[in-house]
Amino acid sequence: MGDIIIGKIINTTIVSWKVDINSAYVATLHASTVLDRSFNPIKDDIRKYFDIGDVIAAEIIAFNRTRDPVLSIKGRGLGKLRGGRIIEILPAKVPRLIGRKGSMINLIKNETNCRITIGQNGWVHVQTKDFIMEEIVEKVIRKIEQEAHTSGLTDRVKELIQEELNKRRGEKSGTI
């Protein structure tokens, strides 16, 4: 409970969404936690809010082994994630991606000018201005995942970002 995750809507019922959260469990997002009291399940279709295939950032608000996780999207930065791409990493590598006091993730955000939402379930949503920058960020995240156990990783990540950005600048100006 309390974990922020990224999930994908895989089914709807009359009053809830079923969400794939990269787990053995399928989570539930109840319409009552998303919509106001004027929502009427008889007249209103919840698919106009979230539909199958939509990606969301949510918080796990209830869970035990006898009941599937229950989600909420009330909170800053939670809700539907638009555009970008999902990168899947091992959940055990999430703390290294974040870094001490957010140092690693802030380095990536500052150097690439992108938005990154990290789910404790190992799904990372990356949104940048263009496809090539998303590829650069994915390359950086893969490096962190592969080298999480090594020292000096922050410096190597910074070098990789600079190298990729310089390569991109060279391609844009016509020199390689």
C-alpha atoms as a PDB file:
ATOM      1  CA  MET A   1       0.000   0.000   0.000  1.00  0.00           C
ATOM      2  CA  GLY A   2       1.128   3.518  -0.786  1.00  0.00           C
ATOM      3  CA  ASP A   3       3.226   2.527  -3.812  1.00  0.00           C
ATOM      4  CA  ILE A   4       2.868   4.604  -6.962  1.00  0.00           C
ATOM      5  CA  ILE A   5       2.543   2.309  -9.956  1.00  0.00           C
ATOM      6  CA  ILE A   6       1.927   2.597 -13.669  1.00  0.00           C
ATOM      7  CA  GLY A   7      -0.815   0.433 -15.085  1.00  0.00           C
ATOM      8  CA  LYS A   8      -2.694  -0.266 -18.256  1.00  0.00           C
ATOM      9  CA  ILE A   9      -6.491  -0.467 -18.438  1.00  0.00           C
ATOM     10  CA  ILE A  10      -7.342  -3.983 -19.630  1.00  0.00           C
ATOM     11  CA  ASN A  11     -11.069  -4.196 -18.949  1.00  0.00           C
ATOM     12  CA  THR A  12     -14.051  -2.194 -17.757  1.00  0.00           C
ATOM     13  CA  THR A  13     -17.089  -3.058 -15.698  1.00  0.00           C
ATOM     14  CA  ILE A  14     -20.105  -0.883 -15.138  1.00  0.00           C
ATOM     15  CA  VAL A  15     -18.474   0.769 -12.090  1.00  0.00           C
ATOM     16  CA  SER A  16     -14.714   0.119 -12.333  1.00  0.00           C
ATOM     17  CA  TRP A  17     -11.660  -0.433 -14.480  1.00  0.00           C
ATOM     18  CA  LYS A  18      -9.412  -3.488 -14.318  1.00  0.00           C
ATOM     19  CA  VAL A  19      -5.749  -2.539 -14.509  1.00  0.00           C
ATOM     20  CA  ASP A  20      -2.662  -4.572 -15.456  1.00  0.00           C
ATOM     21  CA  ILE A  21       0.000  -3.495 -12.960  1.00  0.00           C
ATOM     22  CA  ASN A  22       2.819  -5.843 -14.012  1.00  0.00           C
ATOM     23  CA  SER A  23       2.009  -8.161 -11.140  1.00  0.00           C
ATOM     24  CA  ALA A  24       0.382 -11.497 -10.404  1.00  0.00           C
ATOM     25  CA  TYR A  25      -2.670  -9.452  -9.426  1.00  0.00           C
ATOM     26  CA  VAL A  26      -5.034  -7.370 -11.534  1.00  0.00           C
ATOM     27  CA  ALA A  27      -5.836  -4.107  -9.785  1.00  0.00           C
ATOM     28  CA  THR A  28      -9.186  -2.339  -9.619  1.00  0.00           C
ATOM     29  CA  LEU A  29      -9.809   1.367 -10.024  1.00  0.00           C
ATOM     30  CA  HIS A  30     -13.326   2.148  -8.803  1.00  0.00           C
ATOM     31  CA  ALA A  31     -15.294   4.818 -10.645  1.00  0.00           C
ATOM     32  CA  SER A  32     -16.387   6.262  -7.293  1.00  0.00           C
ATOM     33  CA  THR A  33     -12.778   7.273  -6.573  1.00  0.00           C
ATOM     34  CA  VAL A  34     -12.399   8.983  -9.949  1.00  0.00           C
ATOM     35  CA  LEU A  35     -15.759  10.517 -10.828  1.00  0.00           C
ATOM     36  CA  ASP A  36     -18.014  12.879  -8.928  1.00  0.00           C
ATOM     37  CA  ARG A  37     -21.328  11.935  -7.342  1.00  0.00           C
ATOM     38  CA  SER A  38     -23.308  12.884 -10.448  1.00  0.00           C
ATOM     39  CA  PHE A  39     -21.926   9.771 -12.199  1.00  0.00           C
ATOM     40  CA  ASN A  40     -24.750   7.331 -12.879  1.00  0.00           C
ATOM     41  CA  PRO A  41     -23.596   3.846 -13.969  1.00  0.00           C
ATOM     42  CA  ILE A  42     -26.954   3.248 -15.661  1.00  0.00           C
ATOM     43  CA  LYS A  43     -26.717   6.321 -17.930  1.00  0.00           C
ATOM     44  CA  ASP A  44     -22.999   7.099 -18.076  1.00  0.00           C
ATOM     45  CA  ASP A  45     -20.296   5.013 -19.734  1.00  0.00           C
ATOM     46  CA  ILE A  46     -17.066   4.993 -17.739  1.00  0.00           C
ATOM     47  CA  ARG A  47     -15.105   4.323 -20.942  1.00  0.00           C
ATOM     48  CA  LYS A  48     -15.312   8.010 -21.813  1.00  0.00           C
ATOM     49  CA  TYR A  49     -12.955   8.639 -18.858  1.00  0.00           C
ATOM     50  CA  PHE A  50     -10.546   5.706 -19.265  1.00  0.00           C
ATOM     51  CA  ASP A  51     -10.750   3.039 -21.945  1.00  0.00           C
ATOM     52  CA  ILE A  52      -8.962  -0.219 -22.640  1.00  0.00           C
ATOM     53  CA  GLY A  53      -5.334   0.491 -23.533  1.00  0.00           C
ATOM     54  CA  ASP A  54      -5.087   3.750 -21.577  1.00  0.00           C
ATOM     55  CA  VAL A  55      -2.052   4.031 -19.306  1.00  0.00           C
ATOM     56  CA  ILE A  56      -2.395   5.525 -15.833  1.00  0.00           C
ATOM     57  CA  ALA A  57      -0.249   6.444 -12.867  1.00  0.00           C
ATOM     58  CA  ALA A  58      -1.991   5.448  -9.644  1.00  0.00           C
ATOM     59  CA  GLU A  59      -1.449   4.751  -5.973  1.00  0.00           C
ATOM     60  CA  ILE A  60      -2.235   1.414  -4.346  1.00  0.00           C
ATOM     61  CA  ILE A  61      -4.664   2.302  -1.547  1.00  0.00           C
ATOM     62  CA  ALA A  62      -5.739  -1.189  -0.454  1.00  0.00           C
ATOM     63  CA  PHE A  63      -4.263  -4.639  -0.809  1.00  0.00           C
ATOM     64  CA  ASN A  64      -4.051  -7.941   0.995  1.00  0.00           C
ATOM     65  CA  ARG A  65      -3.599 -11.495  -0.160  1.00  0.00           C
ATOM     66  CA  THR A  66      -7.349 -12.161  -0.149  1.00  0.00           C
ATOM     67  CA  ARG A  67      -8.250  -9.168  -2.265  1.00  0.00           C
ATOM     68  CA  ASP A  68      -6.741  -7.698  -5.444  1.00  0.00           C
ATOM     69  CA  PRO A  69      -5.104  -4.263  -5.184  1.00  0.00           C
ATOM     70  CA  VAL A  70      -7.360  -1.218  -5.211  1.00  0.00           C
ATOM     71  CA  LEU A  71      -6.055   1.931  -6.879  1.00  0.00           C
ATOM     72  CA  SER A  72      -6.642   5.651  -6.585  1.00  0.00           C
ATOM     73  CA  ILE A  73      -5.631   8.455  -8.927  1.00  0.00           C
ATOM     74  CA  LYS A  74      -6.193  11.204  -6.371  1.00  0.00           C
ATOM     75  CA  GLY A  75      -2.853  12.853  -5.936  1.00  0.00           C
ATOM     76  CA  ARG A  76      -0.339  15.042  -7.697  1.00  0.00           C
ATOM     77  CA  GLY A  77       0.952  13.545 -10.948  1.00  0.00           C
ATOM     78  CA  LEU A  78      -1.556  10.697 -10.927  1.00  0.00           C
ATOM     79  CA  GLY A  79      -4.092   9.951 -13.655  1.00  0.00           C
ATOM     80  CA  LYS A  80      -3.970   9.263 -17.356  1.00  0.00           C
ATOM     81  CA  LEU A  81      -0.532   9.360 -18.980  1.00  0.00           C
ATOM     82  CA  ARG A  82      -0.618  10.671 -22.533  1.00  0.00           C
ATOM     83  CA  GLY A  83       1.930  10.152 -25.271  1.00  0.00           C
ATOM     84  CA  GLY A  84       5.424   8.939 -24.657  1.00  0.00           C
ATOM     85  CA  ARG A  85       6.423   5.349 -24.095  1.00  0.00           C
ATOM     86  CA  ILE A  86       6.507   2.748 -21.358  1.00  0.00           C
ATOM     87  CA  ILE A  87       9.850   1.187 -20.500  1.00  0.00           C
ATOM     88  CA  GLU A  88       9.805  -1.941 -18.384  1.00  0.00           C
ATOM     89  CA  ILE A  89      12.640  -2.554 -15.932  1.00  0.00           C
ATOM     90  CA  LEU A  90      13.082  -4.952 -13.043  1.00  0.00           C
ATOM     91  CA  PRO A  91      11.236  -3.514 -10.019  1.00  0.00           C
ATOM     92  CA  ALA A  92      14.336  -4.184  -7.907  1.00  0.00           C
ATOM     93  CA  LYS A  93      16.237  -1.647 -10.066  1.00  0.00           C
ATOM     94  CA  VAL A  94      13.731   1.184  -9.457  1.00  0.00           C
ATOM     95  CA  PRO A  95      15.614   2.614  -6.433  1.00  0.00           C
ATOM     96  CA  ARG A  96      18.837   2.867  -8.507  1.00  0.00           C
ATOM     97  CA  LEU A  97      16.963   4.621 -11.309  1.00  0.00           C
ATOM     98  CA  ILE A  98      15.655   7.131  -8.800  1.00  0.00           C
ATOM     99  CA  GLY A  99      19.011   7.513  -7.051  1.00  0.00           C
ATOM    100  CA  ARG A 100      19.817   8.866  -3.624  1.00  0.00           C
ATOM    101  CA  LYS A 101      17.394  11.730  -2.918  1.00  0.00           C
ATOM    102  CA  GLY A 102      16.262  11.587  -6.565  1.00  0.00           C
ATOM    103  CA  SER A 103      19.724  12.412  -7.892  1.00  0.00           C
ATOM    104  CA  MET A 104      19.761   9.988 -10.849  1.00  0.00           C
ATOM    105  CA  ILE A 105      16.273  10.688 -12.124  1.00  0.00           C
ATOM    106  CA  ASN A 106      16.771  14.443 -11.727  1.00  0.00           C
ATOM    107  CA  LEU A 107      20.012  14.206 -13.721  1.00  0.00           C
ATOM    108  CA  ILE A 108      18.161  12.487 -16.564  1.00  0.00           C
ATOM    109  CA  LYS A 109      15.267  14.954 -16.467  1.00  0.00           C
ATOM    110  CA  ASN A 110      17.522  17.999 -16.361  1.00  0.00           C
ATOM    111  CA  GLU A 111      19.864  16.838 -19.123  1.00  0.00           C
ATOM    112  CA  THR A 112      17.144  15.620 -21.518  1.00  0.00           C
ATOM    113  CA  ASN A 113      14.283  17.960 -20.653  1.00  0.00           C
ATOM    114  CA  CYS A 114      11.833  15.063 -20.396  1.00  0.00           C
ATOM    115  CA  ARG A 115       9.036  14.007 -18.095  1.00  0.00           C
ATOM    116  CA  ILE A 116       9.504  10.684 -16.351  1.00  0.00           C
ATOM    117  CA  THR A 117       7.033   8.882 -14.113  1.00  0.00           C
ATOM    118  CA  ILE A 118       8.427   5.843 -12.323  1.00  0.00           C
ATOM    119  CA  GLY A 119       6.179   3.093 -11.029  1.00  0.00           C
ATOM    120  CA  GLN A 120       7.350   0.902  -8.164  1.00  0.00           C
ATOM    121  CA  ASN A 121       6.113  -1.994 -10.319  1.00  0.00           C
ATOM    122  CA  GLY A 122       8.975  -1.460 -12.797  1.00  0.00           C
ATOM    123  CA  TRP A 123       7.084   0.431 -15.480  1.00  0.00           C
ATOM    124  CA  VAL A 124       8.540   3.813 -16.389  1.00  0.00           C
ATOM    125  CA  HIS A 125       6.654   6.356 -18.499  1.00  0.00           C
ATOM    126  CA  VAL A 126       8.885   8.671 -20.535  1.00  0.00           C
ATOM    127  CA  GLN A 127       7.564  11.662 -22.424  1.00  0.00           C
ATOM    128  CA  THR A 128       9.785  13.951 -24.468  1.00  0.00           C
ATOM    129  CA  LYS A 129       9.398  16.380 -27.323  1.00  0.00           C
ATOM    130  CA  ASP A 130      10.416  13.833 -29.938  1.00  0.00           C
ATOM    131  CA  PHE A 131      10.925  10.150 -30.625  1.00  0.00           C
ATOM    132  CA  ILE A 132      14.726  10.345 -30.821  1.00  0.00           C
ATOM    133  CA  MET A 133      14.971  11.884 -27.353  1.00  0.00           C
ATOM    134  CA  GLU A 134      12.742   9.077 -26.021  1.00  0.00           C
ATOM    135  CA  GLU A 135      15.221   6.591 -27.495  1.00  0.00           C
ATOM    136  CA  ILE A 136      18.106   8.367 -25.773  1.00  0.00           C
ATOM    137  CA  VAL A 137      16.293   8.280 -22.428  1.00  0.00           C
ATOM    138  CA  GLU A 138      15.468   4.588 -22.904  1.00  0.00           C
ATOM    139  CA  LYS A 139      19.131   3.852 -23.658  1.00  0.00           C
ATOM    140  CA  VAL A 140      20.117   5.655 -20.448  1.00  0.00           C
ATOM    141  CA  ILE A 141      17.521   3.757 -18.385  1.00  0.00           C
ATOM    142  CA  ARG A 142      18.738   0.434 -19.826  1.00  0.00           C
ATOM    143  CA  LYS A 143      22.315   1.340 -18.855  1.00  0.00           C
ATOM    144  CA  ILE A 144      21.207   2.088 -15.291  1.00  0.00           C
ATOM    145  CA  GLU A 145      19.295  -1.189 -15.124  1.00  0.00           C
ATOM    146  CA  GLN A 146      22.283  -3.206 -16.388  1.00  0.00           C
ATOM    147  CA  GLU A 147      24.936  -1.436 -14.310  1.00  0.00           C
ATOM    148  CA  ALA A 148      22.941  -0.701 -11.146  1.00  0.00           C
ATOM    149  CA  HIS A 149      25.397  -2.639  -8.984  1.00  0.00           C
ATOM    150  CA  THR A 150      28.499  -0.747 -10.130  1.00  0.00           C
ATOM    151  CA  SER A 151      30.124   2.338  -8.646  1.00  0.00           C
ATOM    152  CA  GLY A 152      30.595   5.550 -10.618  1.00  0.00           C
ATOM    153  CA  LEU A 153      27.367   4.975 -12.531  1.00  0.00           C
ATOM    154  CA  THR A 154      26.169   8.562 -12.245  1.00  0.00           C
ATOM    155  CA  ASP A 155      29.260   9.832 -14.054  1.00  0.00           C
ATOM    156  CA  ARG A 156      28.895   7.209 -16.792  1.00  0.00           C
ATOM    157  CA  VAL A 157      25.221   8.081 -17.221  1.00  0.00           C
ATOM    158  CA  LYS A 158      26.045  11.771 -17.546  1.00  0.00           C
ATOM    159  CA  GLU A 159      28.731  10.947 -20.136  1.00  0.00           C
ATOM    160  CA  LEU A 160      26.297   8.759 -22.106  1.00  0.00           C
ATOM    161  CA  ILE A 161      23.670  11.498 -22.158  1.00  0.00           C
ATOM    162  CA  GLN A 162      26.206  14.089 -23.330  1.00  0.00           C
ATOM    163  CA  GLU A 163      27.570  11.717 -25.963  1.00  0.00           C
ATOM    164  CA  GLU A 164      24.079  10.957 -27.308  1.00  0.00           C
ATOM    165  CA  LEU A 165      23.066  14.636 -27.294  1.00  0.00           C
ATOM    166  CA  ASN A 166      26.271  15.630 -29.099  1.00  0.00           C
ATOM    167  CA  LYS A 167      25.692  12.895 -31.669  1.00  0.00           C
ATOM    168  CA  ARG A 168      22.154  14.190 -32.162  1.00  0.00           C
ATOM    169  CA  ARG A 169      23.361  17.792 -32.556  1.00  0.00           C
ATOM    170  CA  GLY A 170      25.852  16.594 -35.168  1.00  0.00           C
ATOM    171  CA  GLU A 171      23.100  14.815 -37.109  1.00  0.00           C
ATOM    172  CA  LYS A 172      20.878  17.899 -36.997  1.00  0.00           C
ATOM    173  CA  SER A 173      23.634  20.172 -38.299  1.00  0.00           C
ATOM    174  CA  GLY A 174      24.531  17.722 -41.050  1.00  0.00           C
ATOM    175  CA  THR A 175      27.900  16.652 -39.653  1.00  0.00           C
ATOM    176  CA  ILE A 176      28.604  13.230 -38.244  1.00  0.00           C
END
